[in-house]
Amino acid sequence: MKVVFVTSHCPWPQNYGGRFRTHMIWQALLACAEVGFIVLGDDIDAAQRAQLTDHDIPYFPPRQEGIPARVLRILSAVALGQSIPTRRFLWGRRTEEVVATIERMHPDIVILGDTFVGDLIRSLRSVCPRIVINTHNVESVLYRRVSGISRTTLERAGFGLLARNVAMVERRIFPLADAVWAVSDEDATFYRERLGVSRVAVVPNAVAVPDEPGGEPQEDNAIVFTGLYAFPPTEDAALRLIACSRELDQRRVEHVVYLVGREPTSRMFEAAGSNPRIVITGEVPEVTPYIERSAIFAAPIAAGSGTKFKVIQAMAAARPVVTTVFGAEGLHLENDHHAVIAGLDTFADEIARLLDDPTRQRRLGLAGHQWAKQTYSTEVVAKSIAQLLEELM
């Protein structure tokens, strides 16, 4: 079969969740089908463009816009009942170009790689008889929750507007799809019950899981958290972890916190100050070495949707995870068996207890590795995707 995968995320480098999921699905498709791949709307550099060219992947860049153009885009999208994010990379002539590119590939199935690319569905009906919308989160739920943790009135209003706008898009386009792929049972239930989508399948986020669990931590008191900090829930979690570090200092608990990943924010640097126990790395080639050398992966996440790649990565590396109900959402984790699921008000307490108990750390890490290997490995998910495509055909 011929599958065309249209996504708003470049698959390289895998330095945030959208790119992780894009790369995971792309590789799974390559194992069972002839695949055409299109990247639509991601902001990428010259090296990434060269990689796409080397793989014969068409790329359609977003409009570059200053603040006035951004405001105009938001206002026009709201007035026309269109998706605010999508209008940056899809408009009349651009839509025609993308549809023509897909048509030349003669697909049996088109997979639209996220909710915002899903706006193409009406234009593609005459081109392909089978269209799947793949999702990363329930976007409307995500932005509503982000609005709830936003730190300024302007941010709360902006994310609240985006949540309402995305909810309108979800109601309009999801029922038109031949299938919707969700990352978790919870997201799938939302699509069935709230949007009336009848054909929903769960395609979990997945990572490469080593056959054997990792060894002992290289730093007995190291705590690590990873992410794209320009994303508000990730920045919020980092700020909470910095606050946890202050609590641990007051209790004289030996520790160091590594905040690893792209685009650390001025709020993070201001909160960390000159504290030598807080290490903000910025972007690194690979986050895995930081995870593997740590004693604990801590994710005090207060908002989000879908499932968290960072949590799955840590458990695949056999590192004990301390997280919240939002960090564990959709993963079916059992508290104190697969991970420690803590309240935000007791988060520092749980970290302190786990740092003081290497035997418990090892037990949690081994259980997490086994859980990831059985359920969230790329091999398991690739088989599921192949079966879903056969059923759709």
Protein backbone atom coordinates (compact mmCIF):
# COMPACT_ATOMS: atom_id res chain seq x y z
CA MET A 1 0.00 0.00 0.00
CA LYS A 2 1.05 3.64 -0.49
CA VAL A 3 0.73 5.90 2.55
CA VAL A 4 1.32 9.65 2.57
CA PHE A 5 2.18 11.08 5.98
CA VAL A 6 1.67 14.86 6.29
CA THR A 7 3.01 16.38 9.48
CA SER A 8 3.80 19.78 10.95
CA HIS A 9 6.92 18.39 12.67
CA CYS A 10 10.32 17.73 11.11
CA PRO A 11 11.47 14.30 12.33
CA TRP A 12 14.95 15.59 13.27
CA PRO A 13 16.29 16.21 15.81
CA GLN A 14 14.05 14.40 18.25
CA ASN A 15 14.15 17.09 20.91
CA TYR A 16 10.48 17.47 21.83
CA GLY A 17 7.36 15.33 21.88
CA GLY A 18 5.92 16.28 18.49
CA ARG A 19 9.13 15.30 16.72
CA PHE A 20 9.45 12.11 18.75
CA ARG A 21 5.97 11.01 17.73
CA THR A 22 6.46 12.04 14.11
CA HIS A 23 9.69 10.04 13.82
CA MET A 24 8.16 7.04 15.62
CA ILE A 25 5.15 6.87 13.28
CA TRP A 26 7.26 7.47 10.18
CA GLN A 27 9.56 4.57 11.03
CA ALA A 28 6.61 2.30 11.79
CA LEU A 29 5.03 3.17 8.42
CA LEU A 30 8.27 2.46 6.55
CA ALA A 31 8.23 -1.07 7.96
CA CYS A 32 4.87 -1.93 6.39
CA ALA A 33 4.17 0.40 3.45
CA GLU A 34 5.54 2.60 0.71
CA VAL A 35 5.62 6.02 2.34
CA GLY A 36 5.44 9.54 1.01
CA PHE A 37 6.34 12.12 3.67
CA ILE A 38 5.54 15.84 3.71
CA VAL A 39 6.59 18.39 6.34
CA LEU A 40 4.24 21.32 6.55
CA GLY A 41 4.85 24.37 8.70
CA ASP A 42 7.73 23.55 11.05
CA ASP A 43 10.36 26.23 11.71
CA ILE A 44 13.62 24.54 10.77
CA ASP A 45 17.21 25.48 10.03
CA ALA A 46 19.39 24.89 6.98
CA ALA A 47 20.75 21.57 8.30
CA GLN A 48 17.24 20.21 8.80
CA ARG A 49 16.23 21.38 5.32
CA ALA A 50 19.21 19.53 3.90
CA GLN A 51 18.17 16.35 5.72
CA LEU A 52 14.67 16.62 4.28
CA THR A 53 16.12 17.14 0.80
CA ASP A 54 18.39 14.10 1.22
CA HIS A 55 15.31 12.00 2.01
CA ASP A 56 13.23 13.52 -0.84
CA ILE A 57 10.75 14.95 1.66
CA PRO A 58 8.82 18.01 0.40
CA TYR A 59 8.87 20.92 2.84
CA PHE A 60 6.39 23.80 3.00
CA PRO A 61 7.63 26.51 5.40
CA PRO A 62 5.40 28.68 7.56
CA ARG A 63 4.92 32.37 6.97
CA GLN A 64 7.44 34.50 8.80
CA GLU A 65 5.55 37.11 10.79
CA GLY A 66 6.12 39.90 13.24
CA ILE A 67 3.74 40.90 16.00
CA PRO A 68 1.32 42.90 13.77
CA ALA A 69 1.01 40.00 11.30
CA ARG A 70 0.51 37.55 14.16
CA VAL A 71 -2.29 39.65 15.63
CA LEU A 72 -3.91 39.93 12.20
CA ARG A 73 -3.68 36.14 11.74
CA ILE A 74 -5.37 35.53 15.10
CA LEU A 75 -8.15 38.01 14.45
CA SER A 76 -8.82 36.74 10.92
CA ALA A 77 -8.84 33.10 12.05
CA VAL A 78 -11.35 33.86 14.79
CA ALA A 79 -13.53 35.91 12.42
CA LEU A 80 -13.50 33.18 9.74
CA GLY A 81 -13.91 30.26 12.14
CA GLN A 82 -10.53 28.78 11.22
CA SER A 83 -7.65 27.35 13.22
CA ILE A 84 -5.31 30.02 14.60
CA PRO A 85 -2.09 27.93 14.35
CA THR A 86 -2.99 26.46 10.96
CA ARG A 87 -3.35 29.84 9.24
CA ARG A 88 0.38 30.35 9.62
CA PHE A 89 1.15 27.50 7.21
CA LEU A 90 -2.08 26.79 5.29
CA TRP A 91 -3.96 29.27 3.13
CA GLY A 92 -5.67 29.15 -0.27
CA ARG A 93 -2.76 28.79 -2.68
CA ARG A 94 -0.62 26.83 -0.19
CA THR A 95 -3.46 24.34 0.33
CA GLU A 96 -3.69 23.82 -3.43
CA GLU A 97 0.07 23.19 -3.63
CA VAL A 98 0.02 20.65 -0.81
CA VAL A 99 -3.02 18.82 -2.19
CA ALA A 100 -1.42 18.67 -5.65
CA THR A 101 1.77 17.23 -4.13
CA ILE A 102 -0.21 14.54 -2.32
CA GLU A 103 -2.22 13.73 -5.44
CA ARG A 104 0.96 13.10 -7.44
CA MET A 105 1.94 10.46 -4.86
CA HIS A 106 -1.27 8.43 -5.56
CA PRO A 107 -1.90 7.40 -1.95
CA ASP A 108 -4.14 4.62 -0.71
CA ILE A 109 -4.15 6.25 2.74
CA VAL A 110 -3.30 9.76 3.90
CA ILE A 111 -2.30 10.24 7.53
CA LEU A 112 -2.65 13.83 8.71
CA GLY A 113 -0.03 14.10 11.41
CA ASP A 114 -1.80 16.26 13.99
CA THR A 115 -4.97 18.20 14.71
CA PHE A 116 -3.83 21.33 12.88
CA VAL A 117 -2.82 19.53 9.69
CA GLY A 118 -6.27 17.95 9.92
CA ASP A 119 -7.67 21.10 8.33
CA LEU A 120 -6.62 19.57 4.99
CA ILE A 121 -9.24 16.83 5.24
CA ARG A 122 -11.98 18.49 3.16
CA SER A 123 -9.56 19.37 0.35
CA LEU A 124 -8.21 15.81 0.23
CA ARG A 125 -11.51 13.94 -0.09
CA SER A 126 -11.34 13.92 -3.89
CA VAL A 127 -7.69 12.77 -3.80
CA CYS A 128 -7.74 9.86 -1.34
CA PRO A 129 -10.58 7.62 -0.08
CA ARG A 130 -9.02 6.86 3.32
CA ILE A 131 -7.87 9.64 5.65
CA VAL A 132 -6.54 9.24 9.20
CA ILE A 133 -6.03 12.06 11.70
CA ASN A 134 -3.19 11.26 14.07
CA THR A 135 -3.16 13.24 17.32
CA HIS A 136 -0.52 14.12 19.90
CA ASN A 137 -2.94 15.40 22.55
CA VAL A 138 -6.52 16.50 22.84
CA GLU A 139 -5.37 19.99 21.92
CA SER A 140 -8.40 21.83 23.27
CA VAL A 141 -7.97 20.16 26.67
CA LEU A 142 -4.24 20.89 26.62
CA TYR A 143 -4.66 24.62 26.00
CA ARG A 144 -7.47 24.93 28.53
CA ARG A 145 -5.20 23.42 31.17
CA VAL A 146 -2.26 25.59 30.10
CA SER A 147 -4.50 28.64 30.52
CA GLY A 148 -5.17 27.50 34.07
CA ILE A 149 -1.48 27.53 35.04
CA SER A 150 -0.47 30.63 33.07
CA ARG A 151 1.36 33.22 35.14
CA THR A 152 0.00 36.43 33.59
CA THR A 153 -3.45 37.66 32.63
CA LEU A 154 -2.39 38.02 28.99
CA GLU A 155 -1.13 34.43 28.84
CA ARG A 156 -4.33 33.10 30.46
CA ALA A 157 -6.47 35.01 27.97
CA GLY A 158 -4.35 33.93 24.99
CA PHE A 159 -4.39 30.23 25.83
CA GLY A 160 -8.07 30.41 26.73
CA LEU A 161 -8.82 31.84 23.28
CA LEU A 162 -6.68 29.15 21.66
CA ALA A 163 -8.50 26.41 23.61
CA ARG A 164 -11.89 27.61 22.36
CA ASN A 165 -10.59 27.97 18.81
CA VAL A 166 -9.09 24.48 18.76
CA ALA A 167 -12.25 22.96 20.26
CA MET A 168 -14.18 24.40 17.31
CA VAL A 169 -11.66 22.84 14.88
CA GLU A 170 -11.86 19.44 16.58
CA ARG A 171 -15.66 19.40 16.42
CA ARG A 172 -15.60 20.31 12.73
CA ILE A 173 -12.92 18.03 11.31
CA PHE A 174 -12.63 14.91 13.47
CA PRO A 175 -15.99 13.36 12.50
CA LEU A 176 -14.91 13.62 8.83
CA ALA A 177 -11.95 11.26 9.27
CA ASP A 178 -12.07 7.57 8.43
CA ALA A 179 -10.09 6.94 11.61
CA VAL A 180 -8.58 8.97 14.43
CA TRP A 181 -5.45 7.81 16.27
CA ALA A 182 -5.20 8.79 19.93
CA VAL A 183 -2.22 8.38 22.24
CA SER A 184 -4.21 6.97 25.17
CA ASP A 185 -7.51 5.41 26.19
CA GLU A 186 -8.47 8.67 27.86
CA ASP A 187 -7.97 10.68 24.68
CA ALA A 188 -9.81 8.03 22.65
CA THR A 189 -12.79 8.24 25.02
CA PHE A 190 -12.86 12.03 24.57
CA TYR A 191 -12.99 11.67 20.78
CA ARG A 192 -15.77 9.09 20.93
CA GLU A 193 -17.96 10.70 23.59
CA ARG A 194 -17.37 14.42 23.07
CA LEU A 195 -16.79 14.56 19.31
CA GLY A 196 -18.86 11.60 18.14
CA VAL A 197 -16.00 9.88 16.31
CA SER A 198 -16.88 6.23 15.81
CA ARG A 199 -13.56 4.83 14.57
CA VAL A 200 -10.83 5.64 17.10
CA ALA A 201 -7.69 3.60 17.74
CA VAL A 202 -5.02 4.02 20.39
CA VAL A 203 -1.51 4.41 18.95
CA PRO A 204 0.62 5.08 22.02
CA ASN A 205 3.74 7.14 22.18
CA ALA A 206 6.70 4.77 22.13
CA VAL A 207 10.48 4.77 22.46
CA ALA A 208 13.31 2.35 21.74
CA VAL A 209 13.59 0.24 24.90
CA PRO A 210 16.87 -1.58 25.56
CA ASP A 211 16.58 -5.31 26.16
CA GLU A 212 18.33 -5.00 29.51
CA PRO A 213 17.70 -2.29 32.12
CA GLY A 214 20.37 0.33 32.71
CA GLY A 215 22.93 0.09 35.47
CA GLU A 216 23.36 2.04 38.68
CA PRO A 217 23.19 5.86 38.53
CA GLN A 218 26.50 7.66 38.04
CA GLU A 219 25.38 10.42 40.41
CA ASP A 220 23.61 9.08 43.50
CA ASN A 221 21.89 12.39 44.29
CA ALA A 222 21.14 13.62 40.77
CA ILE A 223 17.59 14.57 39.78
CA VAL A 224 16.86 15.17 36.10
CA PHE A 225 14.01 16.67 34.10
CA THR A 226 13.93 17.12 30.32
CA GLY A 227 11.85 19.06 27.83
CA LEU A 228 11.26 22.00 25.55
CA TYR A 229 11.01 24.85 28.05
CA ALA A 230 9.34 27.27 25.66
CA PHE A 231 6.29 25.03 26.11
CA PRO A 232 4.48 26.54 29.14
CA PRO A 233 3.72 23.28 31.04
CA THR A 234 7.40 22.28 30.76
CA GLU A 235 8.59 25.67 31.99
CA ASP A 236 6.07 25.47 34.84
CA ALA A 237 7.38 22.04 35.86
CA ALA A 238 10.96 23.32 35.80
CA LEU A 239 10.04 26.24 38.06
CA ARG A 240 8.31 23.85 40.45
CA LEU A 241 11.39 21.62 40.50
CA ILE A 242 13.58 24.64 41.30
CA ALA A 243 11.23 25.38 44.22
CA CYS A 244 11.51 21.72 45.31
CA SER A 245 15.29 22.11 45.32
CA ARG A 246 14.97 25.01 47.77
CA GLU A 247 12.86 22.79 50.05
CA LEU A 248 15.44 20.02 49.85
CA ASP A 249 18.17 22.53 50.73
CA GLN A 250 16.26 23.56 53.83
CA ARG A 251 16.13 19.90 54.90
CA ARG A 252 19.86 19.46 54.13
CA VAL A 253 19.14 16.79 51.51
CA GLU A 254 22.13 16.36 49.21
CA HIS A 255 21.07 16.70 45.59
CA VAL A 256 21.64 18.36 42.22
CA VAL A 257 18.90 19.14 39.71
CA TYR A 258 19.59 18.96 35.97
CA LEU A 259 17.11 20.82 33.77
CA VAL A 260 17.98 19.48 30.32
CA GLY A 261 16.61 20.68 27.01
CA ARG A 262 15.94 23.46 24.54
CA GLU A 263 15.01 27.08 25.13
CA PRO A 264 15.30 27.49 28.90
CA THR A 265 13.46 30.65 29.87
CA SER A 266 14.42 33.83 31.69
CA ARG A 267 12.00 32.83 34.46
CA MET A 268 13.99 29.64 35.00
CA PHE A 269 17.33 31.44 35.20
CA GLU A 270 15.87 34.06 37.53
CA ALA A 271 14.37 31.40 39.83
CA ALA A 272 17.61 29.36 39.87
CA GLY A 273 19.78 32.39 40.58
CA SER A 274 23.33 31.37 41.46
CA ASN A 275 22.30 28.13 43.18
CA PRO A 276 25.01 25.57 42.28
CA ARG A 277 22.49 22.76 42.84
CA ILE A 278 20.51 23.84 39.76
CA VAL A 279 22.14 23.03 36.40
CA ILE A 280 20.33 24.42 33.35
CA THR A 281 22.03 22.78 30.38
CA GLY A 282 20.26 24.28 27.38
CA GLU A 283 20.00 22.14 24.26
CA VAL A 284 22.14 18.98 24.28
CA PRO A 285 22.79 16.43 21.50
CA GLU A 286 21.08 13.65 23.47
CA VAL A 287 19.06 13.73 26.69
CA THR A 288 19.50 9.99 27.32
CA PRO A 289 22.97 10.28 28.95
CA TYR A 290 21.56 12.72 31.51
CA ILE A 291 18.66 10.40 32.27
CA GLU A 292 20.94 7.37 32.61
CA ARG A 293 23.40 9.06 34.97
CA SER A 294 20.68 10.34 37.32
CA ALA A 295 19.20 8.71 40.40
CA ILE A 296 15.66 10.04 39.85
CA PHE A 297 13.63 11.46 36.98
CA ALA A 298 11.30 14.08 38.46
CA ALA A 299 8.39 15.58 36.51
CA PRO A 300 6.17 17.89 38.60
CA ILE A 301 3.80 18.49 35.68
CA ALA A 302 0.70 20.55 36.48
CA ALA A 303 -0.98 20.61 33.07
CA GLY A 304 -0.97 18.75 29.80
CA SER A 305 -2.77 16.15 27.72
CA GLY A 306 -1.89 12.95 25.93
CA THR A 307 1.06 11.01 27.34
CA LYS A 308 4.55 12.23 28.15
CA PHE A 309 7.47 10.93 26.10
CA LYS A 310 9.86 12.11 28.82
CA VAL A 311 8.25 9.80 31.37
CA ILE A 312 8.34 6.82 28.99
CA GLN A 313 12.00 7.56 28.16
CA ALA A 314 12.99 7.61 31.81
CA MET A 315 11.21 4.35 32.56
CA ALA A 316 12.71 2.70 29.47
CA ALA A 317 16.13 3.63 30.93
CA ALA A 318 15.12 1.97 34.24
CA ARG A 319 15.19 5.24 36.14
CA PRO A 320 12.68 5.69 38.96
CA VAL A 321 10.12 8.36 38.13
CA VAL A 322 8.41 10.79 40.49
CA THR A 323 5.58 12.59 38.74
CA THR A 324 2.01 13.86 39.12
CA VAL A 325 -1.36 12.66 37.88
CA PHE A 326 -0.79 14.83 34.78
CA GLY A 327 2.64 13.32 34.19
CA ALA A 328 1.20 9.81 34.54
CA GLU A 329 -1.96 10.56 32.55
CA GLY A 330 -2.89 7.92 30.00
CA LEU A 331 -0.06 5.55 30.96
CA HIS A 332 -1.90 3.26 33.42
CA LEU A 333 0.85 3.52 36.02
CA GLU A 334 0.42 1.93 39.42
CA ASN A 335 1.65 4.19 42.23
CA ASP A 336 4.78 2.89 43.98
CA HIS A 337 5.02 -0.02 41.57
CA HIS A 338 5.78 1.56 38.18
CA ALA A 339 6.42 5.08 39.49
CA VAL A 340 5.75 7.44 42.38
CA ILE A 341 2.67 9.56 41.66
CA ALA A 342 2.72 12.52 44.02
CA GLY A 343 0.74 15.66 44.67
CA LEU A 344 2.42 18.96 43.95
CA ASP A 345 2.27 19.84 47.64
CA THR A 346 4.15 16.66 48.64
CA PHE A 347 6.52 16.46 45.68
CA ALA A 348 9.68 17.45 47.60
CA ASP A 349 8.78 14.94 50.34
CA GLU A 350 8.56 12.09 47.83
CA ILE A 351 11.87 13.05 46.19
CA ALA A 352 13.62 13.18 49.57
CA ARG A 353 12.27 9.77 50.56
CA LEU A 354 13.28 8.19 47.26
CA LEU A 355 16.78 9.69 47.32
CA ASP A 356 17.24 8.07 50.72
CA ASP A 357 16.21 4.58 49.52
CA PRO A 358 18.42 3.10 46.76
CA THR A 359 16.69 -0.29 47.06
CA ARG A 360 13.32 1.31 46.26
CA GLN A 361 14.92 3.26 43.41
CA ARG A 362 16.13 0.02 41.84
CA ARG A 363 12.79 -1.73 42.32
CA LEU A 364 10.86 1.11 40.67
CA GLY A 365 13.39 1.37 37.85
CA LEU A 366 13.20 -2.34 37.01
CA ALA A 367 9.39 -2.35 37.10
CA GLY A 368 9.29 0.73 34.88
CA HIS A 369 11.68 -0.82 32.35
CA GLN A 370 9.59 -3.98 32.10
CA TRP A 371 6.40 -1.94 31.73
CA ALA A 372 7.92 0.17 28.94
CA LYS A 373 9.27 -2.87 27.12
CA GLN A 374 5.91 -4.66 27.12
CA THR A 375 3.67 -1.74 26.21
CA TYR A 376 5.53 1.32 24.92
CA SER A 377 8.37 -0.02 22.79
CA THR A 378 8.62 1.02 19.14
CA GLU A 379 8.40 -2.64 18.08
CA VAL A 380 5.06 -3.15 19.83
CA VAL A 381 3.56 0.04 18.40
CA ALA A 382 4.85 -0.64 14.87
CA LYS A 383 2.95 -3.94 14.81
CA SER A 384 -0.19 -2.13 15.96
CA ILE A 385 0.12 0.49 13.19
CA ALA A 386 0.59 -2.19 10.52
CA GLN A 387 -2.58 -3.93 11.68
CA LEU A 388 -4.58 -0.68 11.73
CA LEU A 389 -3.54 0.12 8.14
CA GLU A 390 -4.55 -3.34 6.94
CA GLU A 391 -7.94 -2.98 8.60
CA LEU A 392 -8.43 0.43 7.00
CA MET A 393 -7.64 -0.96 3.55
